[in-house]
N, C-alpha and C. Protein backbone atom coordinates (compact mmCIF):
# COMPACT_ATOMS: atom_id res chain seq x y z
N MET A 1 0.87 -1.22 -0.29
CA MET A 1 0.11 0.11 0.25
C MET A 1 0.97 1.12 0.24
N ALA A 2 2.19 1.32 0.59
CA ALA A 2 3.03 2.26 1.17
C ALA A 2 3.31 2.54 -0.63
N ALA A 3 3.80 1.72 -1.54
CA ALA A 3 4.00 1.99 -2.58
C ALA A 3 3.26 2.67 -3.72
N ALA A 4 1.50 2.84 -3.32
CA ALA A 4 0.41 2.91 -3.98
C ALA A 4 0.33 4.65 -3.49
N LEU A 5 1.17 4.22 -2.60
CA LEU A 5 0.58 5.66 -2.20
C LEU A 5 1.67 7.14 -2.47
N GLU A 6 2.88 6.45 -2.48
CA GLU A 6 3.72 7.01 -3.24
C GLU A 6 3.46 7.31 -4.82
N GLU A 7 3.24 6.29 -5.01
CA GLU A 7 2.45 7.00 -6.81
C GLU A 7 1.66 8.15 -6.75
N LEU A 8 0.69 7.85 -6.03
CA LEU A 8 -0.53 8.97 -6.41
C LEU A 8 0.04 10.42 -5.57
N ALA A 9 1.07 10.09 -4.79
CA ALA A 9 2.05 11.79 -4.25
C ALA A 9 2.28 11.97 -5.58
N GLN A 10 3.30 11.29 -6.13
CA GLN A 10 3.85 11.54 -7.40
C GLN A 10 2.86 12.16 -8.58
N VAL A 11 1.71 11.37 -8.72
CA VAL A 11 1.06 11.94 -9.88
C VAL A 11 0.22 13.67 -9.17
N GLN A 12 0.36 13.55 -7.98
CA GLN A 12 -0.62 14.75 -7.46
C GLN A 12 0.63 15.87 -7.52
N ARG A 13 1.97 15.69 -7.51
CA ARG A 13 3.04 16.81 -7.34
C ARG A 13 3.37 17.49 -9.59
N ARG A 14 2.79 16.32 -9.82
CA ARG A 14 3.15 16.77 -11.34
C ARG A 14 1.98 17.77 -11.89
N SER A 15 0.97 17.03 -11.31
CA SER A 15 -0.48 17.92 -11.23
C SER A 15 -0.84 19.22 -10.48
N GLY A 16 0.65 19.75 -9.44
CA GLY A 16 1.00 21.11 -9.04
C GLY A 16 -0.26 20.71 -7.51
N HIS A 17 -0.64 19.92 -7.19
CA HIS A 17 -1.19 19.63 -5.97
C HIS A 17 -0.31 19.20 -4.55
N LEU A 18 0.54 20.45 -4.65
CA LEU A 18 1.88 19.85 -3.94
C LEU A 18 1.48 19.51 -2.29
N PRO A 19 0.63 19.90 -1.88
CA PRO A 19 0.41 19.31 -0.14
C PRO A 19 -0.31 18.35 -0.28
N GLN A 20 -0.96 18.02 -0.90
CA GLN A 20 -1.74 16.53 -1.14
C GLN A 20 -0.44 15.53 -1.46
N ALA A 21 0.19 16.06 -2.09
CA ALA A 21 1.65 14.84 -2.47
C ALA A 21 2.13 14.59 -1.10
N VAL A 22 2.18 15.52 -0.88
CA VAL A 22 3.58 15.31 0.64
C VAL A 22 2.18 14.94 2.40
N ARG A 23 0.78 14.63 1.90
CA ARG A 23 0.25 14.16 2.68
C ARG A 23 0.39 12.78 2.29
N HIS A 24 -0.01 12.26 1.14
CA HIS A 24 0.83 10.87 1.08
C HIS A 24 2.02 10.06 1.04
N TYR A 25 2.77 11.27 0.57
CA TYR A 25 4.19 10.17 1.15
C TYR A 25 4.40 10.18 2.55
N ALA A 26 3.62 11.02 3.61
CA ALA A 26 3.69 11.43 5.04
C ALA A 26 3.45 9.58 5.15
N ALA A 27 2.03 9.66 4.91
CA ALA A 27 1.30 7.98 5.18
C ALA A 27 2.11 7.18 4.72
N ALA A 28 2.55 7.47 3.36
CA ALA A 28 3.28 5.92 2.77
C ALA A 28 3.96 5.89 3.27
N SER A 29 4.86 7.20 4.19
CA SER A 29 6.13 6.75 5.13
C SER A 29 5.56 5.79 5.97
N LEU A 30 4.52 6.32 7.00
CA LEU A 30 4.16 5.62 8.13
C LEU A 30 4.27 4.07 8.19
N LEU A 31 3.15 3.77 6.70
CA LEU A 31 2.87 2.71 6.66
C LEU A 31 4.19 2.04 6.51
N ARG A 32 4.62 2.78 5.69
CA ARG A 32 6.21 1.90 5.07
C ARG A 32 7.27 1.22 6.88
N GLN A 33 6.94 1.64 7.24
CA GLN A 33 7.72 1.76 8.64
C GLN A 33 6.97 0.75 9.42
N ALA A 34 5.28 0.65 9.42
CA ALA A 34 4.66 0.03 10.36
C ALA A 34 4.75 -1.73 9.75
N THR A 35 4.68 -1.69 8.15
CA THR A 35 4.23 -2.59 7.81
C THR A 35 5.42 -3.50 6.81
N ALA A 36 6.66 -3.52 7.22
CA ALA A 36 7.83 -3.56 6.18
C ALA A 36 8.98 -2.50 6.33
N PRO A 37 9.16 -2.48 7.78
CA PRO A 37 10.45 -1.74 7.97
C PRO A 37 11.37 -1.31 7.09
N ALA A 38 11.52 -0.70 6.17
CA ALA A 38 12.85 -0.23 4.61
C ALA A 38 11.97 1.09 4.57
N GLU A 39 13.46 1.19 3.76
CA GLU A 39 13.48 3.07 3.26
C GLU A 39 12.84 2.61 1.89
N ALA A 40 12.60 4.23 1.66
CA ALA A 40 11.95 4.46 0.67
C ALA A 40 12.82 4.72 -0.23
N PRO A 41 12.59 3.84 -1.64
CA PRO A 41 13.53 4.47 -2.39
C PRO A 41 14.06 6.05 -2.68
N PRO A 42 15.04 6.27 -2.89
CA PRO A 42 15.62 7.15 -3.23
C PRO A 42 14.69 8.99 -3.77
N SER A 43 14.08 8.27 -5.17
CA SER A 43 13.59 9.28 -5.79
C SER A 43 12.42 9.45 -4.80
N VAL A 44 11.81 8.79 -4.39
CA VAL A 44 10.72 9.62 -3.37
C VAL A 44 11.50 10.46 -1.94
N SER A 45 12.74 10.18 -1.25
CA SER A 45 13.36 11.33 -0.77
C SER A 45 13.36 12.34 -1.37
N GLU A 46 14.27 11.99 -2.29
CA GLU A 46 14.54 13.27 -3.26
C GLU A 46 13.26 14.08 -3.60
N SER A 47 12.12 13.44 -3.91
CA SER A 47 10.63 14.28 -3.93
C SER A 47 10.37 15.13 -2.93
N VAL A 48 10.05 14.13 -1.38
CA VAL A 48 9.65 14.81 -0.66
C VAL A 48 10.73 16.15 0.23
N ALA A 49 12.14 16.06 -0.55
CA ALA A 49 12.78 16.97 -0.10
C ALA A 49 12.63 18.12 -0.90
N ASP A 50 12.55 17.92 -2.26
CA ASP A 50 11.96 19.03 -3.22
C ASP A 50 11.03 19.79 -2.90
N LEU A 51 9.91 18.96 -2.26
CA LEU A 51 8.54 19.44 -1.98
C LEU A 51 8.58 20.21 -0.58
N GLN A 52 9.60 20.05 0.09
CA GLN A 52 10.01 21.06 1.17
C GLN A 52 10.09 22.12 1.25
N SER A 53 10.97 22.26 0.05
CA SER A 53 11.60 22.97 -0.37
C SER A 53 10.88 24.28 -0.92
N GLU A 54 9.97 23.88 -2.37
CA GLU A 54 8.41 24.14 -2.66
C GLU A 54 7.83 24.71 -2.15
N LEU A 55 7.15 24.22 -0.74
CA LEU A 55 5.73 24.51 -0.04
C LEU A 55 6.51 25.58 1.12
N GLY A 56 7.80 25.65 1.94
CA GLY A 56 8.41 26.03 2.54
C GLY A 56 8.23 25.67 4.43
N ALA A 57 8.96 26.08 4.74
CA ALA A 57 8.37 24.11 5.83
C ALA A 57 7.42 24.80 6.71
N ASP A 58 6.54 25.91 7.25
CA ASP A 58 5.63 25.42 8.26
C ASP A 58 4.45 24.74 7.30
N ALA A 59 4.04 25.02 5.35
CA ALA A 59 3.32 24.50 5.13
C ALA A 59 3.49 23.46 4.64
N PHE A 60 4.85 23.08 4.73
CA PHE A 60 4.77 21.00 4.32
C PHE A 60 4.89 20.04 6.42
N ASP A 61 5.06 20.66 7.48
CA ASP A 61 5.15 20.07 8.32
C ASP A 61 3.59 19.90 8.64
N ARG A 62 2.40 20.58 8.11
CA ARG A 62 1.23 20.77 8.22
C ARG A 62 1.01 20.26 7.35
N ALA A 63 1.26 19.81 6.12
CA ALA A 63 0.56 18.16 5.45
C ALA A 63 1.07 17.62 5.71
N TRP A 64 1.98 17.13 5.88
CA TRP A 64 2.89 15.96 6.83
C TRP A 64 2.32 15.58 7.81
N ALA A 65 1.74 16.47 9.24
CA ALA A 65 1.24 16.06 10.51
C ALA A 65 -0.25 15.43 9.55
N GLU A 66 -0.41 16.30 8.68
CA GLU A 66 -2.28 15.25 8.54
C GLU A 66 -1.99 14.31 7.68
N GLY A 67 -0.11 14.41 7.16
CA GLY A 67 -0.55 13.04 6.10
C GLY A 67 -0.33 11.73 7.46
N LEU A 68 0.72 11.76 8.32
CA LEU A 68 0.92 10.82 9.42
C LEU A 68 -0.57 10.49 9.59
N ALA A 69 -1.10 11.76 10.40
CA ALA A 69 -2.89 11.23 11.24
C ALA A 69 -3.42 10.40 9.71
N HIS A 70 -3.48 10.38 8.83
CA HIS A 70 -3.77 9.52 7.34
C HIS A 70 -4.16 8.11 7.74
N GLY A 71 -1.80 8.30 7.07
CA GLY A 71 -1.64 6.83 7.67
C GLY A 71 -1.99 6.05 8.84
N LYS A 72 -2.37 6.86 9.71
CA LYS A 72 -2.63 6.16 11.21
C LYS A 72 -4.16 5.83 11.61
N ARG A 73 -5.04 6.59 10.20
CA ARG A 73 -6.09 6.03 10.18
C ARG A 73 -6.13 4.82 9.07
N LEU A 74 -5.53 4.73 8.33
CA LEU A 74 -5.36 3.58 7.66
C LEU A 74 -4.62 2.13 8.17
N LEU A 75 -4.38 2.85 9.34
CA LEU A 75 -3.48 0.77 9.97
C LEU A 75 -4.04 1.03 11.16
N LYS A 76 -5.78 1.75 11.55
CA LYS A 76 -6.56 0.89 12.60
C LYS A 76 -7.39 -0.45 11.92
N PRO A 77 -7.72 -1.33 12.24
CA PRO A 77 -8.35 -2.41 12.39
C PRO A 77 -9.52 -2.60 11.80
C-alpha cells in the first residue's frame, strides 16, 4: 500500500497539488515503517525534499502531520 500512495503522491505533485502529495508521502512513510521497515526508494526521498523546499517549512510540516494522521487511520483495524 505504501508504494501505491507514493505513486499517487507523484501524480499529485506533477499535477501541482503539492500539499496533497506531501500528505500521501507522509502516510506512505508511516505505513512503510509499520508494515515492512524499509527505506523508501531514493526518488521518494528526493521528491519529499523538493516538496519541502517548494512549500516552505510551515506548509510542509502541516501537510506532513495531516498525512501521518491519515496513515494512522489506515493502520487501524
